[in-house]
Amino acid sequence: MALAEKIKKTLDGIRHQFPTEQALLIPALHEVQNEYGWVSIDNMKDIGEFLHLPLSKVREVASFYTMFKLEKQGQVDLQICTNISCWLNGADKLVACAKRKLHVENGETTKDGKFTLTQVECLASCGTAPALMLNEDYYENVDEALLEKIIDDATKDLAAGKVVGKSTRQEGMWL
């Protein structure tokens, strides 16, 4: 298996923005995750081959950052921050609400493969806590009513065949 041509083309198109092959590693991991929903060990091998990096380096970076999913995920990755500011502002109630509504525990995917619930350490929103991410969409000042609406809206969008939680991503944009 090799990297998809679409991914290679994107990476080749932005290569000039990065001083080394290793610097292109995070964008490569993002592109693979955006294409497949997660980063498998085979994907890591392919990235390493494409960037002339050892698998150990690719795996080291992919496993360090919690934004990279190393196991198959649901179509919607619901990440709820449970760091101190979010926790003090009700993140524990949000986690309990999501568990109840989705019938899963932290780190689990719903039986229909639609949602994965993940508690994360920090979403950098201490001043507007609690925060969560739905795939790549960011929400702040979330309460239980808003969380239930977010989940309901995502469920409806999935049923309608719409892409959920990707409104903030611009194709090929790497700063």
N, C-alpha and C. Protein backbone atom coordinates (compact mmCIF):
# COMPACT_ATOMS: atom_id res chain seq x y z
N MET A 1 0.84 -1.18 0.00
CA MET A 1 0.00 0.00 0.00
C MET A 1 0.89 1.24 0.00
N ALA A 2 0.52 2.23 -0.76
CA ALA A 2 1.27 3.48 -0.81
C ALA A 2 0.31 4.63 -0.54
N LEU A 3 0.87 5.78 -0.27
CA LEU A 3 0.03 6.96 -0.06
C LEU A 3 -0.83 7.23 -1.29
N ALA A 4 -2.05 7.65 -1.05
CA ALA A 4 -2.95 7.99 -2.15
C ALA A 4 -2.35 9.15 -2.95
N GLU A 5 -2.56 9.13 -4.24
CA GLU A 5 -2.03 10.18 -5.12
C GLU A 5 -2.50 11.57 -4.69
N LYS A 6 -3.74 11.65 -4.22
CA LYS A 6 -4.29 12.92 -3.74
C LYS A 6 -3.43 13.47 -2.60
N ILE A 7 -3.04 12.61 -1.67
CA ILE A 7 -2.22 13.03 -0.53
C ILE A 7 -0.83 13.44 -1.00
N LYS A 8 -0.24 12.64 -1.89
CA LYS A 8 1.09 12.98 -2.42
C LYS A 8 1.07 14.33 -3.12
N LYS A 9 0.02 14.56 -3.90
CA LYS A 9 -0.09 15.82 -4.63
C LYS A 9 -0.19 17.00 -3.66
N THR A 10 -1.00 16.86 -2.62
CA THR A 10 -1.14 17.92 -1.62
C THR A 10 0.20 18.18 -0.94
N LEU A 11 0.88 17.12 -0.53
CA LEU A 11 2.16 17.28 0.16
C LEU A 11 3.22 17.87 -0.77
N ASP A 12 3.25 17.43 -2.00
CA ASP A 12 4.21 18.01 -2.96
C ASP A 12 3.91 19.48 -3.19
N GLY A 13 2.63 19.85 -3.15
CA GLY A 13 2.24 21.24 -3.37
C GLY A 13 2.62 22.17 -2.24
N ILE A 14 2.81 21.63 -1.03
CA ILE A 14 3.17 22.49 0.10
C ILE A 14 4.61 22.26 0.57
N ARG A 15 5.29 21.32 -0.06
CA ARG A 15 6.65 20.97 0.34
C ARG A 15 7.57 22.19 0.44
N HIS A 16 7.40 23.15 -0.46
CA HIS A 16 8.27 24.32 -0.48
C HIS A 16 8.12 25.19 0.78
N GLN A 17 7.05 24.99 1.54
CA GLN A 17 6.81 25.77 2.76
C GLN A 17 7.56 25.22 3.97
N PHE A 18 8.20 24.05 3.81
CA PHE A 18 8.84 23.38 4.93
C PHE A 18 10.32 23.18 4.67
N PRO A 19 11.15 23.43 5.69
CA PRO A 19 12.60 23.36 5.48
C PRO A 19 13.17 21.95 5.33
N THR A 20 12.46 20.94 5.87
CA THR A 20 12.96 19.57 5.81
C THR A 20 11.80 18.61 5.59
N GLU A 21 12.13 17.39 5.24
CA GLU A 21 11.11 16.34 5.10
C GLU A 21 10.43 16.09 6.45
N GLN A 22 11.22 16.12 7.51
CA GLN A 22 10.66 15.87 8.83
C GLN A 22 9.65 16.95 9.20
N ALA A 23 9.87 18.18 8.78
CA ALA A 23 8.93 19.27 9.07
C ALA A 23 7.60 19.06 8.38
N LEU A 24 7.58 18.27 7.33
CA LEU A 24 6.37 17.97 6.58
C LEU A 24 5.58 16.81 7.20
N LEU A 25 6.12 16.23 8.24
CA LEU A 25 5.51 15.05 8.85
C LEU A 25 4.12 15.33 9.44
N ILE A 26 3.96 16.38 10.18
CA ILE A 26 2.65 16.67 10.79
C ILE A 26 1.60 16.93 9.71
N PRO A 27 1.87 17.76 8.70
CA PRO A 27 0.88 17.89 7.63
C PRO A 27 0.58 16.55 6.94
N ALA A 28 1.57 15.70 6.78
CA ALA A 28 1.34 14.39 6.16
C ALA A 28 0.41 13.55 7.03
N LEU A 29 0.62 13.56 8.33
CA LEU A 29 -0.25 12.81 9.23
C LEU A 29 -1.68 13.36 9.19
N HIS A 30 -1.81 14.69 9.14
CA HIS A 30 -3.14 15.29 9.02
C HIS A 30 -3.83 14.86 7.73
N GLU A 31 -3.11 14.89 6.63
CA GLU A 31 -3.71 14.52 5.34
C GLU A 31 -4.19 13.07 5.35
N VAL A 32 -3.37 12.18 5.90
CA VAL A 32 -3.77 10.77 5.97
C VAL A 32 -5.00 10.62 6.86
N GLN A 33 -4.99 11.29 8.01
CA GLN A 33 -6.13 11.18 8.92
C GLN A 33 -7.40 11.76 8.28
N ASN A 34 -7.25 12.87 7.57
CA ASN A 34 -8.41 13.45 6.89
C ASN A 34 -8.96 12.53 5.81
N GLU A 35 -8.08 11.79 5.17
CA GLU A 35 -8.50 10.88 4.10
C GLU A 35 -9.15 9.61 4.64
N TYR A 36 -8.57 9.04 5.70
CA TYR A 36 -9.02 7.73 6.18
C TYR A 36 -9.73 7.75 7.54
N GLY A 37 -9.67 8.88 8.24
CA GLY A 37 -10.31 8.99 9.54
C GLY A 37 -9.42 8.59 10.70
N TRP A 38 -8.27 8.01 10.40
CA TRP A 38 -7.30 7.63 11.41
C TRP A 38 -5.98 7.33 10.73
N VAL A 39 -4.93 7.09 11.52
CA VAL A 39 -3.60 6.81 10.96
C VAL A 39 -3.18 5.41 11.39
N SER A 40 -3.20 4.50 10.45
CA SER A 40 -2.82 3.11 10.74
C SER A 40 -1.30 2.96 10.68
N ILE A 41 -0.81 1.84 11.14
CA ILE A 41 0.62 1.56 11.06
C ILE A 41 1.07 1.48 9.61
N ASP A 42 0.20 0.95 8.74
CA ASP A 42 0.54 0.90 7.31
C ASP A 42 0.65 2.32 6.74
N ASN A 43 -0.26 3.21 7.17
CA ASN A 43 -0.17 4.60 6.73
C ASN A 43 1.13 5.23 7.20
N MET A 44 1.53 4.93 8.43
CA MET A 44 2.77 5.47 8.97
C MET A 44 3.97 5.00 8.15
N LYS A 45 3.95 3.73 7.76
CA LYS A 45 5.03 3.20 6.93
C LYS A 45 5.07 3.94 5.59
N ASP A 46 3.90 4.17 5.01
CA ASP A 46 3.83 4.87 3.72
C ASP A 46 4.32 6.31 3.84
N ILE A 47 3.95 6.98 4.91
CA ILE A 47 4.42 8.35 5.12
C ILE A 47 5.94 8.35 5.26
N GLY A 48 6.45 7.41 6.03
CA GLY A 48 7.90 7.31 6.22
C GLY A 48 8.63 7.12 4.90
N GLU A 49 8.09 6.23 4.08
CA GLU A 49 8.68 6.00 2.76
C GLU A 49 8.66 7.27 1.91
N PHE A 50 7.52 7.94 1.89
CA PHE A 50 7.35 9.13 1.07
C PHE A 50 8.27 10.27 1.53
N LEU A 51 8.44 10.39 2.85
CA LEU A 51 9.25 11.49 3.40
C LEU A 51 10.69 11.07 3.73
N HIS A 52 11.02 9.83 3.43
CA HIS A 52 12.37 9.31 3.68
C HIS A 52 12.72 9.38 5.17
N LEU A 53 11.75 8.96 5.99
CA LEU A 53 11.92 8.96 7.44
C LEU A 53 11.69 7.54 7.95
N PRO A 54 12.38 7.15 9.02
CA PRO A 54 12.13 5.82 9.57
C PRO A 54 10.75 5.74 10.22
N LEU A 55 10.17 4.56 10.19
CA LEU A 55 8.87 4.34 10.80
C LEU A 55 8.88 4.80 12.27
N SER A 56 9.97 4.59 12.97
CA SER A 56 10.04 4.97 14.38
C SER A 56 9.81 6.47 14.57
N LYS A 57 10.31 7.29 13.68
CA LYS A 57 10.12 8.74 13.76
C LYS A 57 8.66 9.11 13.50
N VAL A 58 8.06 8.49 12.50
CA VAL A 58 6.66 8.77 12.16
C VAL A 58 5.77 8.35 13.32
N ARG A 59 6.00 7.16 13.84
CA ARG A 59 5.19 6.65 14.95
C ARG A 59 5.39 7.50 16.21
N GLU A 60 6.60 7.93 16.44
CA GLU A 60 6.91 8.78 17.60
C GLU A 60 6.07 10.06 17.58
N VAL A 61 5.99 10.70 16.43
CA VAL A 61 5.23 11.95 16.30
C VAL A 61 3.73 11.66 16.35
N ALA A 62 3.28 10.64 15.63
CA ALA A 62 1.86 10.32 15.59
C ALA A 62 1.32 9.95 16.97
N SER A 63 2.12 9.25 17.75
CA SER A 63 1.64 8.82 19.07
C SER A 63 1.79 9.91 20.13
N PHE A 64 2.61 10.92 19.87
CA PHE A 64 2.80 12.01 20.84
C PHE A 64 1.58 12.93 20.86
N TYR A 65 1.07 13.27 19.70
CA TYR A 65 -0.02 14.23 19.60
C TYR A 65 -1.37 13.51 19.66
N THR A 66 -2.21 13.95 20.61
CA THR A 66 -3.51 13.30 20.78
C THR A 66 -4.47 13.60 19.63
N MET A 67 -4.14 14.58 18.79
CA MET A 67 -5.03 14.89 17.67
C MET A 67 -4.99 13.79 16.60
N PHE A 68 -3.95 12.96 16.63
CA PHE A 68 -3.86 11.87 15.67
C PHE A 68 -4.47 10.61 16.26
N LYS A 69 -5.39 10.04 15.55
CA LYS A 69 -6.10 8.86 16.01
C LYS A 69 -5.41 7.63 15.46
N LEU A 70 -4.96 6.76 16.35
CA LEU A 70 -4.20 5.58 15.95
C LEU A 70 -5.06 4.33 15.91
N GLU A 71 -6.35 4.50 16.14
CA GLU A 71 -7.31 3.41 16.02
C GLU A 71 -8.49 3.93 15.22
N LYS A 72 -9.17 3.03 14.57
CA LYS A 72 -10.34 3.41 13.78
C LYS A 72 -11.35 4.12 14.67
N GLN A 73 -11.89 5.20 14.16
CA GLN A 73 -12.82 6.04 14.90
C GLN A 73 -14.19 6.01 14.25
N GLY A 74 -15.18 6.53 14.99
CA GLY A 74 -16.49 6.72 14.41
C GLY A 74 -16.42 7.86 13.40
N GLN A 75 -17.49 8.04 12.66
CA GLN A 75 -17.52 9.13 11.68
C GLN A 75 -17.38 10.48 12.36
N VAL A 76 -17.83 10.55 13.60
CA VAL A 76 -17.76 11.79 14.39
C VAL A 76 -16.93 11.53 15.63
N ASP A 77 -15.86 12.30 15.78
CA ASP A 77 -15.01 12.21 16.97
C ASP A 77 -15.41 13.35 17.88
N LEU A 78 -16.09 13.03 18.96
CA LEU A 78 -16.52 14.01 19.94
C LEU A 78 -15.48 14.04 21.05
N GLN A 79 -14.72 15.13 21.11
CA GLN A 79 -13.67 15.30 22.11
C GLN A 79 -14.11 16.34 23.12
N ILE A 80 -14.15 15.96 24.38
CA ILE A 80 -14.53 16.89 25.44
C ILE A 80 -13.31 17.13 26.32
N CYS A 81 -12.95 18.41 26.47
CA CYS A 81 -11.82 18.78 27.31
C CYS A 81 -12.20 18.58 28.77
N THR A 82 -11.32 17.92 29.52
CA THR A 82 -11.56 17.71 30.95
C THR A 82 -10.42 18.26 31.80
N ASN A 83 -9.66 19.19 31.23
CA ASN A 83 -8.61 19.85 32.00
C ASN A 83 -9.25 20.72 33.07
N ILE A 84 -8.45 21.30 33.93
CA ILE A 84 -8.95 21.96 35.14
C ILE A 84 -10.00 23.04 34.87
N SER A 85 -9.78 23.95 33.93
CA SER A 85 -10.76 25.01 33.68
C SER A 85 -12.07 24.44 33.17
N CYS A 86 -11.99 23.51 32.25
CA CYS A 86 -13.21 22.89 31.72
C CYS A 86 -13.90 22.08 32.81
N TRP A 87 -13.12 21.34 33.59
CA TRP A 87 -13.70 20.54 34.65
C TRP A 87 -14.42 21.41 35.67
N LEU A 88 -13.78 22.53 36.06
CA LEU A 88 -14.39 23.45 37.03
C LEU A 88 -15.67 24.08 36.49
N ASN A 89 -15.80 24.12 35.17
CA ASN A 89 -16.98 24.73 34.55
C ASN A 89 -17.98 23.71 34.02
N GLY A 90 -17.84 22.45 34.43
CA GLY A 90 -18.87 21.47 34.12
C GLY A 90 -18.55 20.40 33.10
N ALA A 91 -17.29 20.24 32.74
CA ALA A 91 -16.95 19.22 31.75
C ALA A 91 -17.33 17.82 32.21
N ASP A 92 -17.26 17.57 33.51
CA ASP A 92 -17.65 16.25 34.02
C ASP A 92 -19.13 15.97 33.72
N LYS A 93 -19.96 17.00 33.79
CA LYS A 93 -21.39 16.84 33.45
C LYS A 93 -21.56 16.61 31.95
N LEU A 94 -20.72 17.26 31.15
CA LEU A 94 -20.79 17.06 29.69
C LEU A 94 -20.40 15.63 29.34
N VAL A 95 -19.36 15.13 29.96
CA VAL A 95 -18.92 13.75 29.69
C VAL A 95 -20.05 12.78 30.08
N ALA A 96 -20.64 12.98 31.25
CA ALA A 96 -21.74 12.10 31.69
C ALA A 96 -22.92 12.20 30.73
N CYS A 97 -23.23 13.39 30.27
CA CYS A 97 -24.33 13.59 29.31
C CYS A 97 -24.04 12.86 28.00
N ALA A 98 -22.82 13.00 27.48
CA ALA A 98 -22.45 12.34 26.22
C ALA A 98 -22.48 10.83 26.37
N LYS A 99 -21.99 10.31 27.48
CA LYS A 99 -22.02 8.87 27.72
C LYS A 99 -23.46 8.35 27.72
N ARG A 100 -24.33 9.09 28.40
CA ARG A 100 -25.74 8.71 28.48
C ARG A 100 -26.40 8.75 27.11
N LYS A 101 -26.16 9.82 26.39
CA LYS A 101 -26.83 10.02 25.10
C LYS A 101 -26.32 9.04 24.04
N LEU A 102 -25.02 8.78 24.05
CA LEU A 102 -24.42 7.92 23.02
C LEU A 102 -24.31 6.45 23.44
N HIS A 103 -24.53 6.15 24.71
CA HIS A 103 -24.43 4.79 25.24
C HIS A 103 -23.03 4.20 25.04
N VAL A 104 -22.02 5.02 25.35
CA VAL A 104 -20.63 4.58 25.27
C VAL A 104 -19.86 5.12 26.47
N GLU A 105 -18.71 4.55 26.70
CA GLU A 105 -17.77 5.05 27.70
C GLU A 105 -16.69 5.85 26.98
N ASN A 106 -15.84 6.51 27.74
CA ASN A 106 -14.74 7.26 27.16
C ASN A 106 -13.86 6.34 26.31
N GLY A 107 -13.55 6.79 25.10
CA GLY A 107 -12.70 6.01 24.21
C GLY A 107 -13.44 4.99 23.36
N GLU A 108 -14.72 4.88 23.55
CA GLU A 108 -15.50 3.89 22.80
C GLU A 108 -16.22 4.53 21.62
N THR A 109 -16.56 3.67 20.69
CA THR A 109 -17.33 4.07 19.51
C THR A 109 -18.71 3.44 19.59
N THR A 110 -19.71 4.19 19.18
CA THR A 110 -21.08 3.67 19.21
C THR A 110 -21.19 2.43 18.33
N LYS A 111 -22.14 1.58 18.64
CA LYS A 111 -22.30 0.32 17.90
C LYS A 111 -22.52 0.53 16.41
N ASP A 112 -23.14 1.65 16.04
CA ASP A 112 -23.38 1.93 14.63
C ASP A 112 -22.18 2.58 13.93
N GLY A 113 -21.09 2.81 14.69
CA GLY A 113 -19.88 3.38 14.10
C GLY A 113 -19.95 4.87 13.83
N LYS A 114 -20.94 5.53 14.36
CA LYS A 114 -21.13 6.96 14.05
C LYS A 114 -20.31 7.88 14.95
N PHE A 115 -20.26 7.62 16.26
CA PHE A 115 -19.60 8.52 17.20
C PHE A 115 -18.53 7.82 18.01
N THR A 116 -17.42 8.51 18.23
CA THR A 116 -16.41 8.09 19.20
C THR A 116 -16.33 9.19 20.24
N LEU A 117 -16.40 8.83 21.51
CA LEU A 117 -16.31 9.80 22.60
C LEU A 117 -14.91 9.76 23.18
N THR A 118 -14.27 10.93 23.26
CA THR A 118 -12.92 11.01 23.78
C THR A 118 -12.80 12.16 24.76
N GLN A 119 -12.27 11.88 25.94
CA GLN A 119 -11.91 12.96 26.86
C GLN A 119 -10.49 13.37 26.51
N VAL A 120 -10.26 14.68 26.36
CA VAL A 120 -8.93 15.18 26.04
C VAL A 120 -8.45 16.11 27.14
N GLU A 121 -7.16 16.26 27.20
CA GLU A 121 -6.55 17.02 28.29
C GLU A 121 -6.68 18.52 28.13
N CYS A 122 -6.61 19.05 26.92
CA CYS A 122 -6.69 20.50 26.78
C CYS A 122 -7.04 20.88 25.35
N LEU A 123 -8.02 21.78 25.22
CA LEU A 123 -8.38 22.32 23.91
C LEU A 123 -8.07 23.82 23.85
N ALA A 124 -7.28 24.31 24.80
CA ALA A 124 -6.79 25.70 24.81
C ALA A 124 -7.93 26.71 24.83
N SER A 125 -8.90 26.47 25.69
CA SER A 125 -10.04 27.37 25.79
C SER A 125 -10.38 27.66 27.24
N CYS A 126 -9.38 27.87 28.05
CA CYS A 126 -9.59 28.02 29.50
C CYS A 126 -10.52 29.19 29.83
N GLY A 127 -10.45 30.27 29.07
CA GLY A 127 -11.28 31.44 29.34
C GLY A 127 -12.72 31.28 28.92
N THR A 128 -13.00 30.29 28.09
CA THR A 128 -14.37 30.08 27.60
C THR A 128 -14.79 28.62 27.81
N ALA A 129 -14.31 28.05 28.89
CA ALA A 129 -14.57 26.65 29.21
C ALA A 129 -16.02 26.47 29.66
N PRO A 130 -16.54 25.25 29.46
CA PRO A 130 -15.92 24.07 28.89
C PRO A 130 -15.98 24.06 27.36
N ALA A 131 -15.02 23.36 26.79
CA ALA A 131 -14.88 23.31 25.34
C ALA A 131 -14.95 21.87 24.85
N LEU A 132 -15.34 21.74 23.58
CA LEU A 132 -15.31 20.44 22.93
C LEU A 132 -15.06 20.62 21.45
N MET A 133 -14.67 19.54 20.83
CA MET A 133 -14.51 19.51 19.38
C MET A 133 -15.36 18.38 18.83
N LEU A 134 -15.99 18.67 17.71
CA LEU A 134 -16.76 17.67 16.97
C LEU A 134 -16.05 17.56 15.64
N ASN A 135 -15.27 16.49 15.47
CA ASN A 135 -14.31 16.39 14.37
C ASN A 135 -13.45 17.65 14.41
N GLU A 136 -13.55 18.52 13.44
CA GLU A 136 -12.68 19.71 13.43
C GLU A 136 -13.41 21.00 13.81
N ASP A 137 -14.66 20.89 14.22
CA ASP A 137 -15.41 22.07 14.65
C ASP A 137 -15.26 22.25 16.16
N TYR A 138 -15.07 23.48 16.57
CA TYR A 138 -14.73 23.85 17.93
C TYR A 138 -15.91 24.54 18.60
N TYR A 139 -16.23 24.15 19.81
CA TYR A 139 -17.33 24.75 20.56
C TYR A 139 -16.83 25.17 21.94
N GLU A 140 -17.26 26.34 22.37
CA GLU A 140 -16.87 26.86 23.68
C GLU A 140 -18.12 27.21 24.48
N ASN A 141 -17.95 27.37 25.81
CA ASN A 141 -19.07 27.70 26.70
C ASN A 141 -20.22 26.70 26.53
N VAL A 142 -19.88 25.43 26.47
CA VAL A 142 -20.87 24.38 26.21
C VAL A 142 -21.55 23.96 27.51
N ASP A 143 -22.85 23.84 27.45
CA ASP A 143 -23.61 23.25 28.56
C ASP A 143 -24.28 21.98 28.04
N GLU A 144 -24.99 21.28 28.91
CA GLU A 144 -25.59 20.01 28.52
C GLU A 144 -26.62 20.16 27.40
N ALA A 145 -27.41 21.23 27.46
CA ALA A 145 -28.43 21.44 26.42
C ALA A 145 -27.77 21.65 25.06
N LEU A 146 -26.70 22.44 25.03
CA LEU A 146 -25.99 22.66 23.77
C LEU A 146 -25.34 21.37 23.28
N LEU A 147 -24.74 20.61 24.18
CA LEU A 147 -24.12 19.33 23.79
C LEU A 147 -25.16 18.40 23.17
N GLU A 148 -26.32 18.29 23.78
CA GLU A 148 -27.37 17.43 23.23
C GLU A 148 -27.79 17.90 21.84
N LYS A 149 -27.89 19.22 21.65
CA LYS A 149 -28.23 19.78 20.33
C LYS A 149 -27.14 19.47 19.32
N ILE A 150 -25.89 19.61 19.71
CA ILE A 150 -24.76 19.32 18.82
C ILE A 150 -24.81 17.86 18.37
N ILE A 151 -25.03 16.94 19.32
CA ILE A 151 -25.11 15.52 18.99
C ILE A 151 -26.32 15.25 18.09
N ASP A 152 -27.47 15.84 18.42
CA ASP A 152 -28.67 15.64 17.60
C ASP A 152 -28.47 16.16 16.18
N ASP A 153 -27.89 17.36 16.06
CA ASP A 153 -27.64 17.94 14.74
C ASP A 153 -26.67 17.07 13.93
N ALA A 154 -25.63 16.57 14.59
CA ALA A 154 -24.66 15.71 13.90
C ALA A 154 -25.33 14.42 13.44
N THR A 155 -26.19 13.87 14.27
CA THR A 155 -26.91 12.65 13.92
C THR A 155 -27.79 12.88 12.68
N LYS A 156 -28.50 14.00 12.66
CA LYS A 156 -29.35 14.34 11.50
C LYS A 156 -28.51 14.54 10.25
N ASP A 157 -27.37 15.25 10.40
CA ASP A 157 -26.50 15.50 9.25
C ASP A 157 -25.94 14.19 8.69
N LEU A 158 -25.53 13.28 9.58
CA LEU A 158 -25.04 11.97 9.12
C LEU A 158 -26.12 11.22 8.36
N ALA A 159 -27.33 11.24 8.89
CA ALA A 159 -28.45 10.55 8.23
C ALA A 159 -28.74 11.14 6.86
N ALA A 160 -28.46 12.45 6.70
CA ALA A 160 -28.70 13.12 5.42
C ALA A 160 -27.50 13.01 4.48
N GLY A 161 -26.45 12.32 4.94
CA GLY A 161 -25.26 12.14 4.11
C GLY A 161 -24.33 13.34 4.08
N LYS A 162 -24.48 14.24 5.02
CA LYS A 162 -23.63 15.43 5.07
C LYS A 162 -22.34 15.14 5.83
N VAL A 163 -21.30 15.91 5.52
CA VAL A 163 -20.05 15.84 6.26
C VAL A 163 -20.27 16.58 7.57
N VAL A 164 -19.82 16.00 8.66
CA VAL A 164 -20.03 16.58 9.98
C VAL A 164 -18.72 17.07 10.56
N GLY A 165 -18.74 18.29 11.08
CA GLY A 165 -17.61 18.80 11.84
C GLY A 165 -16.34 19.04 11.06
N LYS A 166 -16.45 19.54 9.85
CA LYS A 166 -15.26 19.84 9.06
C LYS A 166 -15.32 21.26 8.50
N SER A 167 -16.15 22.10 9.07
CA SER A 167 -16.38 23.41 8.49
C SER A 167 -15.18 24.35 8.61
N THR A 168 -14.27 24.06 9.54
CA THR A 168 -13.15 24.99 9.74
C THR A 168 -11.93 24.65 8.90
N ARG A 169 -11.92 23.51 8.26
CA ARG A 169 -10.74 23.09 7.50
C ARG A 169 -10.77 23.63 6.09
N GLN A 170 -9.64 24.19 5.67
CA GLN A 170 -9.50 24.63 4.30
C GLN A 170 -8.51 23.71 3.63
N GLU A 171 -8.91 23.14 2.52
CA GLU A 171 -8.10 22.16 1.80
C GLU A 171 -6.71 22.72 1.49
N GLY A 172 -5.69 21.96 1.86
CA GLY A 172 -4.31 22.32 1.51
C GLY A 172 -3.76 23.52 2.26
N MET A 173 -4.38 23.92 3.36
CA MET A 173 -3.91 25.10 4.07
C MET A 173 -2.99 24.68 5.23
N TRP A 174 -1.74 24.94 5.07
CA TRP A 174 -0.77 24.66 6.12
C TRP A 174 0.05 25.91 6.33
N LEU A 175 -0.02 26.45 7.53
CA LEU A 175 0.70 27.69 7.84
C LEU A 175 2.14 27.43 8.14
